[in-house]
N, C-alpha and C. Protein backbone atom coordinates (compact mmCIF):
# COMPACT_ATOMS: atom_id res chain seq x y z
N GLN A 1 0.85 -1.19 0.00
CA GLN A 1 0.00 0.00 0.00
C GLN A 1 0.88 1.24 0.00
N ALA A 2 0.59 2.16 -0.92
CA ALA A 2 1.40 3.36 -1.03
C ALA A 2 1.17 4.26 0.17
N GLN A 3 2.23 4.95 0.57
CA GLN A 3 2.11 5.92 1.65
C GLN A 3 2.08 7.31 1.03
N LEU A 4 1.15 8.12 1.50
CA LEU A 4 1.03 9.49 1.01
C LEU A 4 1.50 10.42 2.11
N VAL A 5 2.38 11.34 1.76
CA VAL A 5 2.96 12.26 2.73
C VAL A 5 2.58 13.68 2.36
N GLU A 6 1.88 14.35 3.28
CA GLU A 6 1.42 15.71 3.03
C GLU A 6 2.33 16.72 3.70
N SER A 7 2.30 17.92 3.17
CA SER A 7 3.02 19.04 3.78
C SER A 7 2.37 20.34 3.35
N GLY A 8 2.69 21.42 4.05
CA GLY A 8 2.24 22.73 3.63
C GLY A 8 1.18 23.38 4.48
N GLY A 9 0.67 22.68 5.49
CA GLY A 9 -0.33 23.30 6.35
C GLY A 9 0.27 24.37 7.23
N GLY A 10 -0.59 25.08 7.95
CA GLY A 10 -0.10 26.10 8.85
C GLY A 10 -1.20 27.02 9.33
N LEU A 11 -0.78 28.09 9.99
CA LEU A 11 -1.70 29.11 10.52
C LEU A 11 -1.58 30.36 9.67
N VAL A 12 -2.70 30.80 9.12
CA VAL A 12 -2.70 31.99 8.28
C VAL A 12 -3.89 32.87 8.65
N HIS A 13 -3.90 34.08 8.08
CA HIS A 13 -5.02 34.99 8.29
C HIS A 13 -6.02 34.84 7.14
N ALA A 14 -7.23 35.26 7.39
CA ALA A 14 -8.25 35.25 6.34
C ALA A 14 -7.76 36.07 5.15
N GLY A 15 -7.97 35.53 3.95
CA GLY A 15 -7.51 36.18 2.74
C GLY A 15 -6.16 35.71 2.24
N ASP A 16 -5.42 35.03 3.10
CA ASP A 16 -4.10 34.53 2.72
C ASP A 16 -4.22 33.29 1.84
N SER A 17 -3.05 32.83 1.40
CA SER A 17 -2.97 31.63 0.56
C SER A 17 -2.04 30.60 1.19
N LEU A 18 -2.29 29.34 0.86
CA LEU A 18 -1.43 28.23 1.24
C LEU A 18 -1.41 27.24 0.09
N ARG A 19 -0.32 26.49 -0.01
CA ARG A 19 -0.27 25.40 -0.97
C ARG A 19 0.10 24.12 -0.23
N LEU A 20 -0.78 23.14 -0.35
CA LEU A 20 -0.54 21.83 0.22
C LEU A 20 0.07 20.92 -0.84
N SER A 21 0.95 20.04 -0.39
CA SER A 21 1.56 19.06 -1.28
C SER A 21 1.35 17.67 -0.73
N CYS A 22 1.27 16.71 -1.61
CA CYS A 22 1.11 15.32 -1.22
C CYS A 22 1.91 14.47 -2.19
N THR A 23 2.86 13.72 -1.66
CA THR A 23 3.71 12.88 -2.50
C THR A 23 3.57 11.43 -2.11
N ALA A 24 3.43 10.58 -3.11
CA ALA A 24 3.38 9.14 -2.85
C ALA A 24 4.79 8.63 -2.60
N SER A 25 4.94 7.82 -1.57
CA SER A 25 6.27 7.35 -1.19
C SER A 25 6.89 6.47 -2.26
N ALA A 26 6.07 5.73 -2.97
CA ALA A 26 6.55 4.89 -4.05
C ALA A 26 6.39 5.64 -5.36
N ARG A 27 7.45 6.26 -5.83
CA ARG A 27 7.33 7.15 -6.98
C ARG A 27 7.00 6.43 -8.27
N ASP A 28 7.23 5.14 -8.32
CA ASP A 28 6.91 4.42 -9.55
C ASP A 28 5.51 3.86 -9.51
N LEU A 29 4.77 4.18 -8.45
CA LEU A 29 3.39 3.72 -8.34
C LEU A 29 2.47 4.79 -8.86
N TYR A 30 1.69 4.46 -9.87
CA TYR A 30 0.75 5.44 -10.42
C TYR A 30 -0.61 5.25 -9.78
N ILE A 31 -1.11 6.30 -9.17
CA ILE A 31 -2.44 6.28 -8.55
C ILE A 31 -3.37 7.06 -9.45
N PRO A 32 -4.40 6.42 -10.03
CA PRO A 32 -5.23 7.07 -11.05
C PRO A 32 -5.90 8.36 -10.58
N THR A 33 -6.53 8.31 -9.43
CA THR A 33 -7.28 9.46 -8.95
C THR A 33 -6.69 9.95 -7.64
N MET A 34 -6.44 11.23 -7.59
CA MET A 34 -5.95 11.86 -6.37
C MET A 34 -6.95 12.91 -5.92
N ALA A 35 -7.10 13.04 -4.63
CA ALA A 35 -8.09 13.98 -4.11
C ALA A 35 -7.65 14.54 -2.77
N TRP A 36 -8.28 15.63 -2.40
CA TRP A 36 -8.10 16.21 -1.08
C TRP A 36 -9.45 16.21 -0.36
N PHE A 37 -9.40 15.83 0.90
CA PHE A 37 -10.55 15.90 1.78
C PHE A 37 -10.16 16.75 2.99
N ARG A 38 -11.14 17.18 3.73
CA ARG A 38 -10.83 17.90 4.97
C ARG A 38 -11.83 17.53 6.05
N GLN A 39 -11.36 17.66 7.28
CA GLN A 39 -12.21 17.32 8.42
C GLN A 39 -12.05 18.38 9.49
N ALA A 40 -13.11 19.13 9.71
CA ALA A 40 -13.12 20.11 10.79
C ALA A 40 -13.45 19.42 12.10
N ALA A 41 -13.12 20.04 13.19
CA ALA A 41 -13.35 19.46 14.50
C ALA A 41 -14.83 19.14 14.69
N GLY A 42 -15.12 17.91 15.07
CA GLY A 42 -16.48 17.50 15.33
C GLY A 42 -17.33 17.22 14.10
N GLU A 43 -16.70 17.25 12.93
CA GLU A 43 -17.45 17.03 11.70
C GLU A 43 -16.90 15.82 10.95
N GLU A 44 -17.67 15.38 9.97
CA GLU A 44 -17.23 14.28 9.13
C GLU A 44 -16.23 14.78 8.08
N ARG A 45 -15.43 13.86 7.59
CA ARG A 45 -14.48 14.18 6.55
C ARG A 45 -15.24 14.47 5.25
N GLN A 46 -14.87 15.57 4.59
CA GLN A 46 -15.59 16.00 3.41
C GLN A 46 -14.67 16.18 2.21
N PHE A 47 -15.20 15.92 1.05
CA PHE A 47 -14.47 16.10 -0.20
C PHE A 47 -14.19 17.58 -0.43
N VAL A 48 -12.97 17.86 -0.90
CA VAL A 48 -12.59 19.23 -1.24
C VAL A 48 -12.34 19.36 -2.75
N ALA A 49 -11.46 18.50 -3.28
CA ALA A 49 -11.11 18.59 -4.69
C ALA A 49 -10.52 17.26 -5.15
N GLY A 50 -10.65 16.98 -6.44
CA GLY A 50 -10.10 15.74 -6.97
C GLY A 50 -9.86 15.84 -8.45
N LEU A 51 -8.95 14.99 -8.93
CA LEU A 51 -8.74 14.91 -10.36
C LEU A 51 -8.33 13.49 -10.72
N ARG A 52 -8.71 13.10 -11.92
CA ARG A 52 -8.51 11.74 -12.35
C ARG A 52 -7.29 11.63 -13.27
N ARG A 53 -7.16 10.55 -13.93
CA ARG A 53 -5.99 10.22 -14.73
C ARG A 53 -5.60 11.35 -15.68
N SER A 54 -6.56 11.91 -16.36
CA SER A 54 -6.28 12.90 -17.39
C SER A 54 -6.02 14.29 -16.82
N ALA A 55 -6.31 14.48 -15.52
CA ALA A 55 -6.15 15.77 -14.84
C ALA A 55 -7.18 16.81 -15.30
N GLU A 56 -8.00 16.50 -16.23
CA GLU A 56 -9.10 17.37 -16.65
C GLU A 56 -10.34 16.51 -16.86
N PRO A 57 -11.49 16.93 -16.39
CA PRO A 57 -11.71 18.12 -15.60
C PRO A 57 -11.29 17.92 -14.14
N GLN A 58 -11.30 18.99 -13.42
CA GLN A 58 -11.06 18.95 -11.98
C GLN A 58 -12.41 19.05 -11.29
N TYR A 59 -12.49 18.47 -10.11
CA TYR A 59 -13.74 18.44 -9.38
C TYR A 59 -13.55 19.15 -8.04
N TYR A 60 -14.52 19.98 -7.69
CA TYR A 60 -14.40 20.76 -6.47
C TYR A 60 -15.71 20.75 -5.68
N ALA A 61 -15.56 20.88 -4.38
CA ALA A 61 -16.73 21.16 -3.54
C ALA A 61 -17.18 22.58 -3.83
N ASP A 62 -18.46 22.82 -3.75
CA ASP A 62 -18.99 24.15 -4.03
C ASP A 62 -18.36 25.20 -3.12
N SER A 63 -18.04 24.83 -1.91
CA SER A 63 -17.53 25.79 -0.94
C SER A 63 -16.13 26.31 -1.27
N VAL A 64 -15.40 25.61 -2.14
CA VAL A 64 -14.03 26.03 -2.47
C VAL A 64 -13.87 26.39 -3.94
N LYS A 65 -14.90 26.19 -4.73
CA LYS A 65 -14.81 26.45 -6.17
C LYS A 65 -14.45 27.91 -6.42
N GLY A 66 -13.46 28.12 -7.29
CA GLY A 66 -13.02 29.47 -7.59
C GLY A 66 -11.91 29.98 -6.68
N ARG A 67 -11.67 29.28 -5.58
CA ARG A 67 -10.62 29.69 -4.65
C ARG A 67 -9.49 28.66 -4.57
N PHE A 68 -9.82 27.39 -4.71
CA PHE A 68 -8.84 26.31 -4.61
C PHE A 68 -8.58 25.72 -5.99
N THR A 69 -7.35 25.25 -6.19
CA THR A 69 -6.98 24.60 -7.43
C THR A 69 -6.18 23.34 -7.13
N ILE A 70 -6.60 22.23 -7.70
CA ILE A 70 -5.87 20.98 -7.54
C ILE A 70 -5.08 20.71 -8.81
N SER A 71 -3.87 20.20 -8.64
CA SER A 71 -3.03 19.87 -9.79
C SER A 71 -2.13 18.71 -9.41
N ARG A 72 -1.53 18.10 -10.41
CA ARG A 72 -0.63 16.98 -10.12
C ARG A 72 0.57 17.02 -11.03
N ASP A 73 1.67 16.50 -10.50
CA ASP A 73 2.91 16.36 -11.25
C ASP A 73 3.20 14.86 -11.33
N ARG A 74 2.98 14.28 -12.48
CA ARG A 74 3.15 12.84 -12.62
C ARG A 74 4.61 12.43 -12.47
N ALA A 75 5.50 13.30 -12.84
CA ALA A 75 6.93 12.95 -12.78
C ALA A 75 7.38 12.69 -11.35
N THR A 76 6.79 13.43 -10.41
CA THR A 76 7.18 13.27 -9.01
C THR A 76 6.09 12.60 -8.19
N ASN A 77 5.00 12.20 -8.83
CA ASN A 77 3.87 11.56 -8.14
C ASN A 77 3.37 12.44 -7.00
N THR A 78 3.21 13.70 -7.31
CA THR A 78 2.81 14.68 -6.30
C THR A 78 1.52 15.37 -6.74
N VAL A 79 0.65 15.59 -5.79
CA VAL A 79 -0.56 16.36 -6.05
C VAL A 79 -0.54 17.58 -5.14
N TYR A 80 -1.02 18.69 -5.67
CA TYR A 80 -1.01 19.96 -4.95
C TYR A 80 -2.43 20.47 -4.76
N LEU A 81 -2.60 21.27 -3.72
CA LEU A 81 -3.84 22.00 -3.52
C LEU A 81 -3.47 23.45 -3.22
N GLN A 82 -3.67 24.30 -4.21
CA GLN A 82 -3.43 25.73 -4.02
C GLN A 82 -4.69 26.34 -3.45
N MET A 83 -4.57 26.96 -2.29
CA MET A 83 -5.73 27.52 -1.60
C MET A 83 -5.56 29.02 -1.49
N ASN A 84 -6.42 29.75 -2.16
CA ASN A 84 -6.40 31.21 -2.13
C ASN A 84 -7.63 31.74 -1.42
N SER A 85 -7.55 33.00 -1.02
CA SER A 85 -8.67 33.67 -0.35
C SER A 85 -9.23 32.81 0.77
N LEU A 86 -8.35 32.35 1.62
CA LEU A 86 -8.77 31.45 2.69
C LEU A 86 -9.72 32.14 3.67
N LYS A 87 -10.65 31.34 4.18
CA LYS A 87 -11.66 31.82 5.13
C LYS A 87 -11.54 31.03 6.42
N PRO A 88 -12.00 31.59 7.52
CA PRO A 88 -11.97 30.84 8.78
C PRO A 88 -12.67 29.49 8.68
N GLU A 89 -13.71 29.41 7.87
CA GLU A 89 -14.43 28.14 7.73
C GLU A 89 -13.65 27.09 6.95
N ASP A 90 -12.50 27.46 6.40
CA ASP A 90 -11.62 26.49 5.76
C ASP A 90 -10.74 25.76 6.77
N THR A 91 -10.79 26.19 8.01
CA THR A 91 -9.99 25.57 9.06
C THR A 91 -10.37 24.10 9.23
N ALA A 92 -9.38 23.22 9.11
CA ALA A 92 -9.62 21.77 9.19
C ALA A 92 -8.30 21.05 9.06
N VAL A 93 -8.34 19.76 9.29
CA VAL A 93 -7.23 18.90 8.92
C VAL A 93 -7.48 18.45 7.48
N TYR A 94 -6.49 18.65 6.64
CA TYR A 94 -6.61 18.31 5.23
C TYR A 94 -5.89 17.00 4.95
N TYR A 95 -6.58 16.10 4.25
CA TYR A 95 -6.05 14.78 3.94
C TYR A 95 -5.93 14.58 2.45
N CYS A 96 -4.84 14.00 2.04
CA CYS A 96 -4.64 13.58 0.67
C CYS A 96 -5.15 12.15 0.54
N ALA A 97 -5.78 11.84 -0.58
CA ALA A 97 -6.29 10.50 -0.80
C ALA A 97 -5.99 10.06 -2.21
N GLY A 98 -5.78 8.75 -2.38
CA GLY A 98 -5.51 8.22 -3.70
C GLY A 98 -6.23 6.91 -3.92
N GLY A 99 -6.65 6.67 -5.14
CA GLY A 99 -7.35 5.44 -5.45
C GLY A 99 -7.82 5.42 -6.88
N SER A 100 -8.81 4.58 -7.11
CA SER A 100 -9.38 4.47 -8.46
C SER A 100 -10.90 4.38 -8.40
N PRO A 101 -11.53 5.37 -7.79
CA PRO A 101 -12.98 5.33 -7.70
C PRO A 101 -13.65 5.58 -9.04
N ILE A 102 -14.85 5.04 -9.20
CA ILE A 102 -15.63 5.41 -10.36
C ILE A 102 -16.09 6.86 -10.18
N LEU A 103 -16.47 7.50 -11.26
CA LEU A 103 -16.76 8.93 -11.21
C LEU A 103 -17.83 9.26 -10.16
N SER A 104 -18.85 8.43 -10.07
CA SER A 104 -19.93 8.72 -9.14
C SER A 104 -19.49 8.63 -7.69
N ALA A 105 -18.35 7.99 -7.42
CA ALA A 105 -17.84 7.84 -6.05
C ALA A 105 -16.65 8.74 -5.77
N LEU A 106 -16.35 9.63 -6.67
CA LEU A 106 -15.16 10.48 -6.54
C LEU A 106 -15.14 11.24 -5.22
N ARG A 107 -16.31 11.63 -4.72
CA ARG A 107 -16.40 12.47 -3.53
C ARG A 107 -16.62 11.67 -2.25
N THR A 108 -16.43 10.36 -2.33
CA THR A 108 -16.74 9.46 -1.22
C THR A 108 -15.46 8.94 -0.58
N THR A 109 -15.33 9.09 0.73
CA THR A 109 -14.10 8.69 1.41
C THR A 109 -13.85 7.19 1.28
N SER A 110 -14.89 6.39 1.31
CA SER A 110 -14.71 4.93 1.28
C SER A 110 -14.19 4.43 -0.06
N ALA A 111 -14.20 5.28 -1.07
CA ALA A 111 -13.74 4.87 -2.40
C ALA A 111 -12.23 4.96 -2.55
N TYR A 112 -11.54 5.49 -1.55
CA TYR A 112 -10.09 5.70 -1.65
C TYR A 112 -9.33 4.72 -0.78
N ARG A 113 -8.27 4.15 -1.37
CA ARG A 113 -7.48 3.14 -0.67
C ARG A 113 -6.32 3.74 0.10
N HIS A 114 -5.75 4.82 -0.43
CA HIS A 114 -4.54 5.38 0.16
C HIS A 114 -4.86 6.73 0.81
N TRP A 115 -4.30 6.95 2.00
CA TRP A 115 -4.54 8.20 2.72
C TRP A 115 -3.25 8.72 3.34
N GLY A 116 -3.15 10.04 3.38
CA GLY A 116 -2.05 10.66 4.10
C GLY A 116 -2.41 10.82 5.57
N GLN A 117 -1.46 11.32 6.33
CA GLN A 117 -1.64 11.45 7.77
C GLN A 117 -2.41 12.72 8.15
N GLY A 118 -2.57 13.62 7.22
CA GLY A 118 -3.30 14.86 7.47
C GLY A 118 -2.38 16.01 7.83
N THR A 119 -2.76 17.20 7.43
CA THR A 119 -2.01 18.41 7.78
C THR A 119 -3.01 19.49 8.20
N GLN A 120 -2.70 20.16 9.29
CA GLN A 120 -3.63 21.14 9.86
C GLN A 120 -3.53 22.47 9.12
N VAL A 121 -4.69 22.99 8.77
CA VAL A 121 -4.79 24.34 8.22
C VAL A 121 -5.70 25.14 9.14
N THR A 122 -5.18 26.23 9.66
CA THR A 122 -5.96 27.09 10.54
C THR A 122 -5.98 28.49 9.97
N VAL A 123 -7.19 29.01 9.79
CA VAL A 123 -7.36 30.35 9.23
C VAL A 123 -8.00 31.23 10.29
N SER A 124 -7.29 32.26 10.69
CA SER A 124 -7.81 33.17 11.70
C SER A 124 -8.52 34.34 11.04
N SER A 125 -9.51 34.87 11.73
CA SER A 125 -10.29 35.98 11.16
C SER A 125 -9.64 37.32 11.45
């Protein structure tokens, strides 16, 4: 099972930007679909963004559309989440996920086999 390692979280002010990175430990392992989820305190883990083999189209939760951008670098087996115009409600632990879900399950946590350890993002008002 591939290990996903995230980085890039931190404490920022509202309106700031952050970029999260997630790299698969086995660089020769190709994971078809990569996604980001987040979990706020006391809430369930929710889909944030995802992209499949072709990297187009990208899929986003309505709450982050227009502010967040997901991308991937196949050469380094890394997926990124660029987060702009951050809001306090974006505060959560962000998880990288990898797998091969069918399109209808793209936003479902149970459809992903590989998970990172999570990275905290805190946005102050």
